[in-house]
Amino acid sequence: MPITKELENIRKFESVGFSHEQSETLTDVIEQSHIDGQQTLKDIFSKLENRIDKLETKADTIEKKIDNILRVTDSIDLHIKAGQTELLLKIFAVVACCASVAVAVSKLL
């Protein structure tokens, strides 16, 4: 508390009947309480900042894991599409063979 506030508070206490010693004691108690309150707030904010930092770190880790999962699923999708294409080509080859056999059989009859 600035000295001007301290003197102002002492005068206020004295104006309502407190002695000079009582006024100084009350002012000192109020000042110390104010200082303690500020320190408590600083401690609370420091703890909150630490928790926020930890949460941000966890969020970054989760984001990286999600990115990895998305890459894996994209890779799986590509493999499935390649497998489907290969399977379709084999089916067309079988159909072409069957058609060739059918044409050959029909020429024999």
Protein backbone atom coordinates (compact mmCIF):
# COMPACT_ATOMS: atom_id res chain seq x y z
CA MET A 1 0.00 0.00 0.00
CA PRO A 2 1.49 3.40 -0.94
CA ILE A 3 2.51 5.65 1.95
CA THR A 4 -0.12 8.22 1.01
CA LYS A 5 -2.84 5.59 1.41
CA GLU A 6 -1.31 4.42 4.66
CA LEU A 7 -1.30 7.94 6.10
CA GLU A 8 -4.79 8.53 4.73
CA ASN A 9 -6.05 5.37 6.43
CA ILE A 10 -4.37 6.28 9.72
CA ARG A 11 -6.06 9.69 9.63
CA LYS A 12 -9.43 8.10 8.86
CA PHE A 13 -9.11 5.76 11.84
CA GLU A 14 -8.00 8.59 14.10
CA SER A 15 -10.93 10.76 12.94
CA VAL A 16 -13.43 8.18 14.24
CA GLY A 17 -11.79 7.85 17.64
CA PHE A 18 -8.96 5.33 17.31
CA SER A 19 -5.66 6.22 18.95
CA HIS A 20 -2.59 6.75 16.80
CA GLU A 21 -1.19 3.34 17.85
CA GLN A 22 -4.48 1.60 17.08
CA SER A 23 -4.69 3.35 13.71
CA GLU A 24 -1.14 2.32 12.79
CA THR A 25 -1.78 -1.28 13.88
CA LEU A 26 -5.01 -1.51 11.88
CA THR A 27 -3.33 0.03 8.86
CA ASP A 28 -0.41 -2.41 9.13
CA VAL A 29 -2.81 -5.37 9.43
CA ILE A 30 -4.79 -4.18 6.39
CA GLU A 31 -1.59 -3.64 4.41
CA GLN A 32 -0.24 -7.11 5.30
CA SER A 33 -3.60 -8.67 4.47
CA HIS A 34 -3.51 -6.92 1.10
CA ILE A 35 0.04 -8.19 0.43
CA ASP A 36 -0.91 -11.74 1.47
CA GLY A 37 -3.98 -11.61 -0.77
CA GLN A 38 -1.88 -10.52 -3.73
CA GLN A 39 0.59 -13.35 -3.13
CA THR A 40 -2.26 -15.85 -2.89
CA LEU A 41 -3.65 -14.59 -6.20
CA LYS A 42 -0.20 -14.85 -7.78
CA ASP A 43 0.07 -18.45 -6.54
CA ILE A 44 -3.39 -19.30 -7.89
CA PHE A 45 -2.60 -17.76 -11.28
CA SER A 46 0.73 -19.58 -11.40
CA LYS A 47 -1.00 -22.91 -10.72
CA LEU A 48 -3.64 -22.13 -13.34
CA GLU A 49 -0.95 -21.29 -15.89
CA ASN A 50 0.80 -24.61 -15.16
CA ARG A 51 -2.45 -26.52 -15.59
CA ILE A 52 -3.20 -24.70 -18.83
CA ASP A 53 0.30 -25.52 -20.11
CA LYS A 54 -0.22 -29.20 -19.24
CA LEU A 55 -3.61 -29.21 -20.98
CA GLU A 56 -2.12 -27.57 -24.07
CA THR A 57 0.62 -30.22 -24.12
CA LYS A 58 -1.98 -32.99 -23.83
CA ALA A 59 -4.06 -31.36 -26.56
CA ASP A 60 -1.00 -31.28 -28.84
CA THR A 61 -0.35 -34.96 -28.12
CA ILE A 62 -3.96 -35.87 -28.85
CA GLU A 63 -3.88 -33.84 -32.06
CA LYS A 64 -0.74 -35.69 -33.20
CA LYS A 65 -2.36 -39.05 -32.41
CA ILE A 66 -5.46 -38.09 -34.37
CA ASP A 67 -3.28 -37.05 -37.32
CA ASN A 68 -1.52 -40.42 -37.18
CA ILE A 69 -4.86 -42.24 -37.09
CA LEU A 70 -6.07 -40.24 -40.09
CA ARG A 71 -2.89 -41.09 -42.01
CA VAL A 72 -3.33 -44.79 -41.20
CA THR A 73 -6.98 -44.76 -42.26
CA ASP A 74 -6.05 -42.97 -45.49
CA SER A 75 -3.42 -45.64 -46.13
CA ILE A 76 -5.97 -48.39 -45.43
CA ASP A 77 -8.43 -46.72 -47.81
CA LEU A 78 -5.78 -46.70 -50.55
CA HIS A 79 -5.01 -50.39 -49.99
CA ILE A 80 -8.71 -51.26 -50.08
CA LYS A 81 -9.19 -49.31 -53.33
CA ALA A 82 -6.14 -50.98 -54.87
CA GLY A 83 -7.47 -54.38 -53.77
CA GLN A 84 -10.89 -53.60 -55.23
CA THR A 85 -9.33 -52.57 -58.54
CA GLU A 86 -7.25 -55.75 -58.65
CA LEU A 87 -10.31 -57.85 -57.81
CA LEU A 88 -12.35 -56.18 -60.56
CA LEU A 89 -9.60 -56.88 -63.09
CA LYS A 90 -9.56 -60.55 -62.07
CA ILE A 91 -13.36 -60.75 -62.34
CA PHE A 92 -13.23 -59.24 -65.85
CA ALA A 93 -10.50 -61.72 -66.79
CA VAL A 94 -12.66 -64.62 -65.57
CA VAL A 95 -15.68 -63.23 -67.43
CA ALA A 96 -13.58 -62.86 -70.59
CA CYS A 97 -12.37 -66.47 -70.24
CA CYS A 98 -15.92 -67.69 -69.75
CA ALA A 99 -17.04 -65.74 -72.79
CA SER A 100 -14.20 -67.24 -74.84
CA VAL A 101 -15.11 -70.75 -73.68
CA ALA A 102 -18.77 -70.10 -74.49
CA VAL A 103 -17.90 -68.90 -77.98
CA ALA A 104 -15.64 -71.93 -78.54
CA VAL A 105 -18.33 -74.33 -77.31
CA SER A 106 -20.97 -72.69 -79.49
CA LYS A 107 -18.72 -73.08 -82.56
CA LEU A 108 -18.26 -76.76 -81.78
CA LEU A 109 -21.99 -77.39 -81.64
